[in-house]
Amino acid sequence: MSGTPIAPTMSEPPTVWIAEPASRLLHEVAEAQYPLETGGSLLGYAVGDDFVVMDIVGPGPGATHQRYRFSPDADFQQEAINVRFFATQGRETYLGDWHTHPDGQAQMSWLDRRTLSRIARKTPDMRWEPLMLLLAGRPYGWSPAAFLHAKSGWPFGLHSAQRDMTIRYFTPH
């Protein structure tokens, strides 16, 4: 029957829905630090297997930015996450991290895999596995990619698995 939605199957990747204001902020922060790496946290909520990114947290004033590495200001990010959580009465919370690969590709490096696995281990009380969003490229030409941590059974997260995710954008009401 036309017009009837088809139920998703397990082979379909989960979707990351990114609010347009959050997408604009991602690009602004990325362009401000180019050609150095930058990043931050993703804030929003989960709906079934999908994630909705309503806002982002930038790197923070104490972050370090290098050509191929980025280290956030953890205290700044935690405070911003707490503020958003309480402002939304717990509806929006930490979903994972994002960072840039200036002039690079939107693929996870071994360090990205290790970082995503470390996030999963440090946040065992999360109701879902954490996300990692990458922006690769350069100003006015960023290519996004999103990945979801998947438990692999390997120690230390050296061979942690991840699932590719579909990215879609929306305008909040």
N, C-alpha and C. Protein backbone atom coordinates (compact mmCIF):
# COMPACT_ATOMS: atom_id res chain seq x y z
N MET A 1 0.84 -1.17 0.00
CA MET A 1 0.00 0.00 0.00
C MET A 1 0.90 1.24 0.00
N SER A 2 0.69 2.16 -0.93
CA SER A 2 1.55 3.35 -0.96
C SER A 2 1.21 4.25 0.22
N GLY A 3 2.23 4.95 0.70
CA GLY A 3 2.04 5.84 1.83
C GLY A 3 2.18 5.16 3.18
N THR A 4 2.27 3.84 3.20
CA THR A 4 2.45 3.11 4.45
C THR A 4 3.93 3.02 4.76
N PRO A 5 4.38 3.52 5.92
CA PRO A 5 5.80 3.44 6.23
C PRO A 5 6.25 1.99 6.37
N ILE A 6 7.46 1.74 5.95
CA ILE A 6 8.06 0.42 6.07
C ILE A 6 8.81 0.37 7.39
N ALA A 7 8.59 -0.68 8.16
CA ALA A 7 9.28 -0.82 9.44
C ALA A 7 10.77 -1.02 9.19
N PRO A 8 11.63 -0.33 9.97
CA PRO A 8 13.07 -0.49 9.77
C PRO A 8 13.52 -1.89 10.16
N THR A 9 14.57 -2.35 9.53
CA THR A 9 15.16 -3.64 9.87
C THR A 9 16.48 -3.41 10.55
N MET A 10 17.02 -4.44 11.18
CA MET A 10 18.29 -4.31 11.88
C MET A 10 19.44 -3.99 10.92
N SER A 11 19.28 -4.28 9.63
CA SER A 11 20.36 -3.99 8.70
C SER A 11 20.43 -2.51 8.35
N GLU A 12 19.35 -1.77 8.60
CA GLU A 12 19.36 -0.34 8.33
C GLU A 12 20.13 0.38 9.44
N PRO A 13 20.98 1.32 9.05
CA PRO A 13 21.72 2.02 10.10
C PRO A 13 20.81 2.96 10.89
N PRO A 14 21.13 3.15 12.16
CA PRO A 14 20.38 4.15 12.93
C PRO A 14 20.65 5.54 12.36
N THR A 15 19.79 6.48 12.70
CA THR A 15 19.88 7.84 12.17
C THR A 15 20.23 8.82 13.27
N VAL A 16 21.08 9.76 12.93
CA VAL A 16 21.36 10.92 13.79
C VAL A 16 20.63 12.10 13.16
N TRP A 17 19.67 12.63 13.86
CA TRP A 17 18.94 13.82 13.42
C TRP A 17 19.61 15.02 14.07
N ILE A 18 20.07 15.98 13.27
CA ILE A 18 20.77 17.14 13.80
C ILE A 18 19.94 18.39 13.54
N ALA A 19 19.60 19.10 14.62
CA ALA A 19 18.85 20.35 14.49
C ALA A 19 19.71 21.36 13.73
N GLU A 20 19.09 22.11 12.83
CA GLU A 20 19.82 23.09 12.02
C GLU A 20 20.66 24.06 12.86
N PRO A 21 20.15 24.60 13.99
CA PRO A 21 21.01 25.49 14.79
C PRO A 21 22.27 24.79 15.30
N ALA A 22 22.16 23.52 15.68
CA ALA A 22 23.32 22.76 16.14
C ALA A 22 24.29 22.54 14.98
N SER A 23 23.76 22.27 13.80
CA SER A 23 24.60 22.08 12.62
C SER A 23 25.38 23.36 12.29
N ARG A 24 24.71 24.49 12.34
CA ARG A 24 25.40 25.77 12.08
C ARG A 24 26.51 26.01 13.09
N LEU A 25 26.23 25.72 14.36
CA LEU A 25 27.24 25.91 15.40
C LEU A 25 28.43 24.98 15.20
N LEU A 26 28.18 23.72 14.81
CA LEU A 26 29.27 22.79 14.50
C LEU A 26 30.21 23.40 13.46
N HIS A 27 29.63 23.91 12.39
CA HIS A 27 30.43 24.48 11.31
C HIS A 27 31.17 25.74 11.75
N GLU A 28 30.51 26.58 12.54
CA GLU A 28 31.16 27.81 13.02
C GLU A 28 32.38 27.48 13.88
N VAL A 29 32.23 26.53 14.81
CA VAL A 29 33.34 26.16 15.68
C VAL A 29 34.46 25.51 14.87
N ALA A 30 34.09 24.64 13.93
CA ALA A 30 35.09 23.97 13.08
C ALA A 30 35.89 24.99 12.27
N GLU A 31 35.19 25.95 11.68
CA GLU A 31 35.85 26.94 10.84
C GLU A 31 36.72 27.89 11.65
N ALA A 32 36.32 28.18 12.88
CA ALA A 32 37.10 29.09 13.72
C ALA A 32 38.46 28.50 14.09
N GLN A 33 38.57 27.18 14.17
CA GLN A 33 39.82 26.54 14.57
C GLN A 33 40.64 26.00 13.40
N TYR A 34 40.03 25.96 12.21
CA TYR A 34 40.73 25.42 11.05
C TYR A 34 42.06 26.15 10.84
N PRO A 35 43.16 25.48 10.59
CA PRO A 35 43.36 24.10 10.19
C PRO A 35 43.67 23.14 11.34
N LEU A 36 43.36 23.54 12.57
CA LEU A 36 43.59 22.67 13.72
C LEU A 36 42.32 21.88 14.04
N GLU A 37 42.51 20.74 14.70
CA GLU A 37 41.35 19.95 15.14
C GLU A 37 40.66 20.67 16.28
N THR A 38 39.35 20.47 16.34
CA THR A 38 38.55 20.96 17.45
C THR A 38 37.41 19.97 17.65
N GLY A 39 36.60 20.21 18.65
CA GLY A 39 35.48 19.31 18.89
C GLY A 39 34.72 19.68 20.13
N GLY A 40 33.94 18.74 20.61
CA GLY A 40 33.13 18.99 21.78
C GLY A 40 32.17 17.83 22.03
N SER A 41 31.03 18.16 22.62
CA SER A 41 30.03 17.17 23.01
C SER A 41 28.73 17.39 22.23
N LEU A 42 27.99 16.30 22.07
CA LEU A 42 26.68 16.32 21.43
C LEU A 42 25.61 16.20 22.51
N LEU A 43 24.59 17.05 22.44
CA LEU A 43 23.53 17.05 23.45
C LEU A 43 22.18 16.83 22.78
N GLY A 44 21.37 15.99 23.38
CA GLY A 44 20.06 15.72 22.83
C GLY A 44 19.43 14.53 23.51
N TYR A 45 18.76 13.68 22.72
CA TYR A 45 18.05 12.54 23.29
C TYR A 45 17.96 11.43 22.26
N ALA A 46 17.62 10.24 22.74
CA ALA A 46 17.46 9.08 21.87
C ALA A 46 15.97 8.77 21.71
N VAL A 47 15.63 8.29 20.52
CA VAL A 47 14.28 7.83 20.22
C VAL A 47 14.43 6.49 19.52
N GLY A 48 14.16 5.42 20.24
CA GLY A 48 14.39 4.09 19.68
C GLY A 48 15.87 3.93 19.38
N ASP A 49 16.20 3.56 18.14
CA ASP A 49 17.60 3.41 17.74
C ASP A 49 18.20 4.70 17.20
N ASP A 50 17.40 5.75 17.09
CA ASP A 50 17.87 7.01 16.52
C ASP A 50 18.23 8.01 17.61
N PHE A 51 19.01 9.01 17.21
CA PHE A 51 19.45 10.05 18.13
C PHE A 51 19.10 11.41 17.56
N VAL A 52 18.72 12.34 18.44
CA VAL A 52 18.36 13.69 18.04
C VAL A 52 19.32 14.65 18.73
N VAL A 53 20.16 15.32 17.93
CA VAL A 53 21.13 16.28 18.45
C VAL A 53 20.49 17.67 18.41
N MET A 54 20.21 18.21 19.57
CA MET A 54 19.57 19.52 19.67
C MET A 54 20.58 20.64 19.83
N ASP A 55 21.76 20.32 20.38
CA ASP A 55 22.76 21.36 20.65
C ASP A 55 24.12 20.69 20.73
N ILE A 56 25.14 21.50 20.68
CA ILE A 56 26.50 20.99 20.87
C ILE A 56 27.18 21.84 21.93
N VAL A 57 28.23 21.29 22.49
CA VAL A 57 29.13 22.03 23.37
C VAL A 57 30.44 22.14 22.61
N GLY A 58 31.00 23.32 22.58
CA GLY A 58 32.28 23.53 21.92
C GLY A 58 33.44 23.03 22.77
N PRO A 59 34.66 23.31 22.35
CA PRO A 59 35.84 22.76 23.01
C PRO A 59 36.10 23.30 24.40
N GLY A 60 35.70 24.54 24.65
CA GLY A 60 35.98 25.17 25.94
C GLY A 60 37.26 25.97 25.90
N PRO A 61 37.39 26.95 26.80
CA PRO A 61 38.54 27.86 26.79
C PRO A 61 39.87 27.19 27.13
N GLY A 62 39.84 26.08 27.84
CA GLY A 62 41.07 25.39 28.22
C GLY A 62 41.46 24.26 27.28
N ALA A 63 40.77 24.13 26.14
CA ALA A 63 41.05 23.05 25.19
C ALA A 63 42.39 23.28 24.49
N THR A 64 43.00 22.19 24.05
CA THR A 64 44.21 22.29 23.23
C THR A 64 43.89 21.79 21.83
N HIS A 65 44.33 22.53 20.85
CA HIS A 65 44.07 22.23 19.45
C HIS A 65 45.40 22.04 18.74
N GLN A 66 45.55 20.91 18.09
CA GLN A 66 46.75 20.64 17.29
C GLN A 66 46.30 20.21 15.89
N ARG A 67 47.24 20.04 15.02
CA ARG A 67 46.91 19.69 13.64
C ARG A 67 46.18 18.35 13.56
N TYR A 68 46.62 17.36 14.31
CA TYR A 68 46.02 16.03 14.24
C TYR A 68 45.51 15.53 15.58
N ARG A 69 45.24 16.45 16.47
CA ARG A 69 44.79 16.03 17.81
C ARG A 69 44.07 17.19 18.48
N PHE A 70 43.13 16.81 19.33
CA PHE A 70 42.33 17.79 20.06
C PHE A 70 42.06 17.23 21.45
N SER A 71 42.18 18.08 22.45
CA SER A 71 41.86 17.69 23.82
C SER A 71 40.92 18.74 24.41
N PRO A 72 39.70 18.35 24.78
CA PRO A 72 38.71 19.33 25.26
C PRO A 72 39.00 19.83 26.67
N ASP A 73 38.35 20.91 27.00
CA ASP A 73 38.32 21.43 28.37
C ASP A 73 37.20 20.67 29.07
N ALA A 74 37.55 19.57 29.74
CA ALA A 74 36.56 18.66 30.32
C ALA A 74 35.66 19.33 31.34
N ASP A 75 36.20 20.21 32.17
CA ASP A 75 35.38 20.88 33.18
C ASP A 75 34.33 21.79 32.52
N PHE A 76 34.75 22.52 31.50
CA PHE A 76 33.84 23.39 30.76
C PHE A 76 32.71 22.56 30.14
N GLN A 77 33.09 21.45 29.50
CA GLN A 77 32.09 20.62 28.84
C GLN A 77 31.11 20.01 29.84
N GLN A 78 31.63 19.51 30.97
CA GLN A 78 30.74 18.90 31.96
C GLN A 78 29.76 19.92 32.51
N GLU A 79 30.22 21.13 32.75
CA GLU A 79 29.31 22.18 33.25
C GLU A 79 28.23 22.49 32.22
N ALA A 80 28.60 22.59 30.94
CA ALA A 80 27.62 22.87 29.89
C ALA A 80 26.61 21.72 29.75
N ILE A 81 27.07 20.50 29.88
CA ILE A 81 26.18 19.33 29.82
C ILE A 81 25.19 19.39 30.99
N ASN A 82 25.70 19.68 32.18
CA ASN A 82 24.83 19.78 33.37
C ASN A 82 23.79 20.87 33.20
N VAL A 83 24.19 22.03 32.70
CA VAL A 83 23.27 23.14 32.52
C VAL A 83 22.14 22.74 31.57
N ARG A 84 22.50 22.11 30.44
CA ARG A 84 21.48 21.71 29.46
C ARG A 84 20.55 20.65 30.05
N PHE A 85 21.12 19.69 30.77
CA PHE A 85 20.32 18.63 31.38
C PHE A 85 19.26 19.22 32.31
N PHE A 86 19.67 20.13 33.19
CA PHE A 86 18.72 20.70 34.15
C PHE A 86 17.77 21.69 33.48
N ALA A 87 18.23 22.42 32.47
CA ALA A 87 17.36 23.37 31.77
C ALA A 87 16.25 22.65 31.02
N THR A 88 16.49 21.43 30.58
CA THR A 88 15.48 20.66 29.85
C THR A 88 14.80 19.63 30.74
N GLN A 89 15.00 19.74 32.04
CA GLN A 89 14.42 18.82 33.02
C GLN A 89 14.76 17.37 32.70
N GLY A 90 16.01 17.16 32.24
CA GLY A 90 16.51 15.82 31.97
C GLY A 90 16.15 15.25 30.61
N ARG A 91 15.41 16.00 29.79
CA ARG A 91 15.05 15.48 28.46
C ARG A 91 16.26 15.41 27.52
N GLU A 92 17.20 16.35 27.68
CA GLU A 92 18.37 16.37 26.81
C GLU A 92 19.62 16.16 27.66
N THR A 93 20.52 15.33 27.14
CA THR A 93 21.70 14.97 27.88
C THR A 93 22.85 14.68 26.91
N TYR A 94 23.94 14.21 27.45
CA TYR A 94 25.12 13.87 26.67
C TYR A 94 24.84 12.65 25.78
N LEU A 95 25.15 12.78 24.48
CA LEU A 95 24.99 11.66 23.54
C LEU A 95 26.32 11.10 23.07
N GLY A 96 27.36 11.91 23.12
CA GLY A 96 28.67 11.50 22.62
C GLY A 96 29.50 12.72 22.27
N ASP A 97 30.54 12.50 21.49
CA ASP A 97 31.48 13.57 21.15
C ASP A 97 31.49 13.84 19.65
N TRP A 98 32.01 15.00 19.30
CA TRP A 98 32.23 15.35 17.90
C TRP A 98 33.61 15.98 17.79
N HIS A 99 34.22 15.86 16.63
CA HIS A 99 35.47 16.58 16.37
C HIS A 99 35.73 16.65 14.87
N THR A 100 36.73 17.44 14.53
CA THR A 100 37.04 17.66 13.11
C THR A 100 38.28 16.87 12.69
N HIS A 101 38.34 16.61 11.41
CA HIS A 101 39.52 16.08 10.72
C HIS A 101 39.84 17.08 9.62
N PRO A 102 40.55 18.18 9.95
CA PRO A 102 40.82 19.20 8.93
C PRO A 102 41.60 18.62 7.75
N ASP A 103 41.12 18.88 6.56
CA ASP A 103 41.73 18.39 5.32
C ASP A 103 41.82 16.87 5.29
N GLY A 104 41.04 16.21 6.12
CA GLY A 104 41.10 14.75 6.21
C GLY A 104 39.84 14.10 5.69
N GLN A 105 39.66 12.84 6.08
CA GLN A 105 38.50 12.08 5.66
C GLN A 105 37.59 11.81 6.85
N ALA A 106 36.33 11.60 6.54
CA ALA A 106 35.32 11.35 7.58
C ALA A 106 35.31 9.87 7.93
N GLN A 107 36.45 9.38 8.38
CA GLN A 107 36.62 8.01 8.81
C GLN A 107 37.25 8.01 10.20
N MET A 108 36.90 7.02 10.98
CA MET A 108 37.47 6.94 12.33
C MET A 108 38.89 6.42 12.28
N SER A 109 39.77 7.11 12.98
CA SER A 109 41.15 6.66 13.14
C SER A 109 41.20 5.65 14.29
N TRP A 110 42.36 5.03 14.48
CA TRP A 110 42.49 4.11 15.61
C TRP A 110 42.31 4.87 16.92
N LEU A 111 42.77 6.14 16.97
CA LEU A 111 42.60 6.94 18.18
C LEU A 111 41.13 7.27 18.41
N ASP A 112 40.39 7.54 17.34
CA ASP A 112 38.95 7.79 17.46
C ASP A 112 38.23 6.56 18.02
N ARG A 113 38.60 5.38 17.52
CA ARG A 113 37.98 4.14 18.01
C ARG A 113 38.28 3.94 19.49
N ARG A 114 39.54 4.18 19.86
CA ARG A 114 39.93 4.03 21.26
C ARG A 114 39.18 5.03 22.14
N THR A 115 39.06 6.27 21.67
CA THR A 115 38.35 7.30 22.42
C THR A 115 36.89 6.94 22.60
N LEU A 116 36.24 6.47 21.53
CA LEU A 116 34.84 6.09 21.63
C LEU A 116 34.65 4.94 22.60
N SER A 117 35.56 3.99 22.58
CA SER A 117 35.49 2.87 23.52
C SER A 117 35.70 3.35 24.95
N ARG A 118 36.62 4.29 25.15
CA ARG A 118 36.87 4.84 26.49
C ARG A 118 35.63 5.58 27.00
N ILE A 119 34.98 6.34 26.12
CA ILE A 119 33.74 7.03 26.51
C ILE A 119 32.70 6.01 26.96
N ALA A 120 32.57 4.92 26.21
CA ALA A 120 31.59 3.88 26.57
C ALA A 120 31.90 3.27 27.93
N ARG A 121 33.18 3.07 28.22
CA ARG A 121 33.55 2.49 29.52
C ARG A 121 33.34 3.48 30.66
N LYS A 122 33.56 4.77 30.40
CA LYS A 122 33.44 5.78 31.46
C LYS A 122 32.01 6.18 31.72
N THR A 123 31.10 5.83 30.83
CA THR A 123 29.70 6.20 31.01
C THR A 123 28.81 4.96 30.97
N PRO A 124 29.06 3.99 31.86
CA PRO A 124 28.30 2.73 31.81
C PRO A 124 26.82 2.92 32.16
N ASP A 125 26.46 4.04 32.78
CA ASP A 125 25.08 4.26 33.16
C ASP A 125 24.25 4.89 32.04
N MET A 126 24.88 5.17 30.89
CA MET A 126 24.11 5.71 29.77
C MET A 126 23.11 4.65 29.31
N ARG A 127 21.95 5.11 28.84
CA ARG A 127 20.92 4.19 28.38
C ARG A 127 21.18 3.71 26.95
N TRP A 128 22.22 4.22 26.32
CA TRP A 128 22.57 3.86 24.96
C TRP A 128 24.07 3.94 24.80
N GLU A 129 24.58 3.38 23.71
CA GLU A 129 26.00 3.47 23.41
C GLU A 129 26.30 4.87 22.88
N PRO A 130 27.49 5.41 23.15
CA PRO A 130 27.79 6.78 22.73
C PRO A 130 28.02 6.92 21.22
N LEU A 131 27.82 8.14 20.74
CA LEU A 131 28.02 8.50 19.33
C LEU A 131 29.36 9.18 19.16
N MET A 132 29.86 9.17 17.93
CA MET A 132 30.97 10.04 17.54
C MET A 132 30.61 10.63 16.18
N LEU A 133 30.64 11.94 16.12
CA LEU A 133 30.36 12.66 14.88
C LEU A 133 31.67 13.29 14.41
N LEU A 134 32.00 13.08 13.16
CA LEU A 134 33.21 13.67 12.57
C LEU A 134 32.81 14.67 11.50
N LEU A 135 33.54 15.78 11.45
CA LEU A 135 33.44 16.72 10.33
C LEU A 135 34.81 16.72 9.67
N ALA A 136 34.87 16.30 8.43
CA ALA A 136 36.15 16.22 7.72
C ALA A 136 36.13 17.22 6.57
N GLY A 137 37.30 17.79 6.30
CA GLY A 137 37.40 18.70 5.17
C GLY A 137 37.97 20.04 5.54
N ARG A 138 37.29 21.08 5.07
CA ARG A 138 37.75 22.45 5.27
C ARG A 138 36.56 23.39 5.29
N PRO A 139 36.78 24.64 5.67
CA PRO A 139 35.67 25.59 5.70
C PRO A 139 34.87 25.59 4.40
N TYR A 140 33.57 25.61 4.55
CA TYR A 140 32.60 25.61 3.45
C TYR A 140 32.64 24.32 2.64
N GLY A 141 33.28 23.29 3.17
CA GLY A 141 33.33 22.01 2.48
C GLY A 141 33.48 20.85 3.45
N TRP A 142 32.79 20.92 4.60
CA TRP A 142 32.88 19.87 5.60
C TRP A 142 31.99 18.70 5.20
N SER A 143 32.49 17.48 5.38
CA SER A 143 31.72 16.26 5.15
C SER A 143 31.51 15.57 6.49
N PRO A 144 30.26 15.37 6.90
CA PRO A 144 30.01 14.73 8.19
C PRO A 144 29.93 13.21 8.08
N ALA A 145 30.23 12.55 9.17
CA ALA A 145 30.03 11.10 9.32
C ALA A 145 29.73 10.84 10.79
N ALA A 146 28.85 9.90 11.06
CA ALA A 146 28.50 9.58 12.44
C ALA A 146 28.65 8.08 12.66
N PHE A 147 29.09 7.75 13.87
CA PHE A 147 29.34 6.37 14.24
C PHE A 147 28.78 6.10 15.62
N LEU A 148 28.28 4.90 15.83
CA LEU A 148 27.74 4.48 17.12
C LEU A 148 28.63 3.38 17.66
N HIS A 149 29.04 3.52 18.92
CA HIS A 149 29.87 2.49 19.55
C HIS A 149 29.08 1.18 19.63
N ALA A 150 29.76 0.10 19.39
CA ALA A 150 29.16 -1.23 19.52
C ALA A 150 30.13 -2.10 20.30
N LYS A 151 29.63 -2.78 21.30
CA LYS A 151 30.49 -3.63 22.12
C LYS A 151 31.11 -4.73 21.26
N SER A 152 32.42 -4.91 21.39
CA SER A 152 33.10 -5.91 20.57
C SER A 152 33.62 -7.09 21.37
N GLY A 153 33.77 -6.93 22.67
CA GLY A 153 34.30 -8.01 23.48
C GLY A 153 35.82 -8.01 23.59
N TRP A 154 36.48 -7.15 22.82
CA TRP A 154 37.94 -7.06 22.89
C TRP A 154 38.34 -6.20 24.09
N PRO A 155 39.44 -6.55 24.77
CA PRO A 155 39.88 -5.74 25.92
C PRO A 155 40.44 -4.39 25.46
N PHE A 156 40.33 -3.41 26.31
CA PHE A 156 40.90 -2.07 26.14
C PHE A 156 40.32 -1.30 24.96
N GLY A 157 39.34 -1.81 24.30
CA GLY A 157 38.71 -1.09 23.20
C GLY A 157 39.57 -0.95 21.97
N LEU A 158 40.67 -1.69 21.89
CA LEU A 158 41.57 -1.55 20.74
C LEU A 158 40.91 -2.01 19.45
N HIS A 159 39.97 -2.91 19.57
CA HIS A 159 39.27 -3.39 18.39
C HIS A 159 37.78 -3.13 18.54
N SER A 160 37.44 -2.01 19.14
CA SER A 160 36.02 -1.74 19.34
C SER A 160 35.33 -1.58 18.00
N ALA A 161 34.13 -2.03 17.96
CA ALA A 161 33.35 -1.95 16.73
C ALA A 161 32.55 -0.65 16.75
N GLN A 162 32.12 -0.24 15.58
CA GLN A 162 31.23 0.90 15.49
C GLN A 162 30.31 0.68 14.32
N ARG A 163 29.14 1.26 14.42
CA ARG A 163 28.16 1.17 13.34
C ARG A 163 28.09 2.52 12.66
N ASP A 164 28.13 2.53 11.34
CA ASP A 164 27.91 3.76 10.59
C ASP A 164 26.46 4.18 10.80
N MET A 165 26.24 5.47 10.80
CA MET A 165 24.90 6.00 11.01
C MET A 165 24.52 6.93 9.86
N THR A 166 23.24 7.03 9.60
CA THR A 166 22.72 7.98 8.64
C THR A 166 22.59 9.33 9.34
N ILE A 167 22.89 10.41 8.63
CA ILE A 167 22.74 11.76 9.19
C ILE A 167 21.65 12.49 8.43
N ARG A 168 20.74 13.08 9.18
CA ARG A 168 19.67 13.90 8.59
C ARG A 168 19.56 15.19 9.41
N TYR A 169 19.06 16.24 8.77
CA TYR A 169 18.93 17.54 9.41
C TYR A 169 17.46 17.93 9.49
N PHE A 170 17.13 18.72 10.52
CA PHE A 170 15.75 19.18 10.66
C PHE A 170 15.74 20.57 11.30
N THR A 171 14.63 21.25 11.11
CA THR A 171 14.42 22.56 11.72
C THR A 171 13.46 22.38 12.88
N PRO A 172 13.94 22.66 14.11
CA PRO A 172 13.04 22.51 15.27
C PRO A 172 11.93 23.57 15.24
N HIS A 173 10.81 23.22 15.87
CA HIS A 173 9.67 24.16 15.92
C HIS A 173 9.90 25.23 16.93
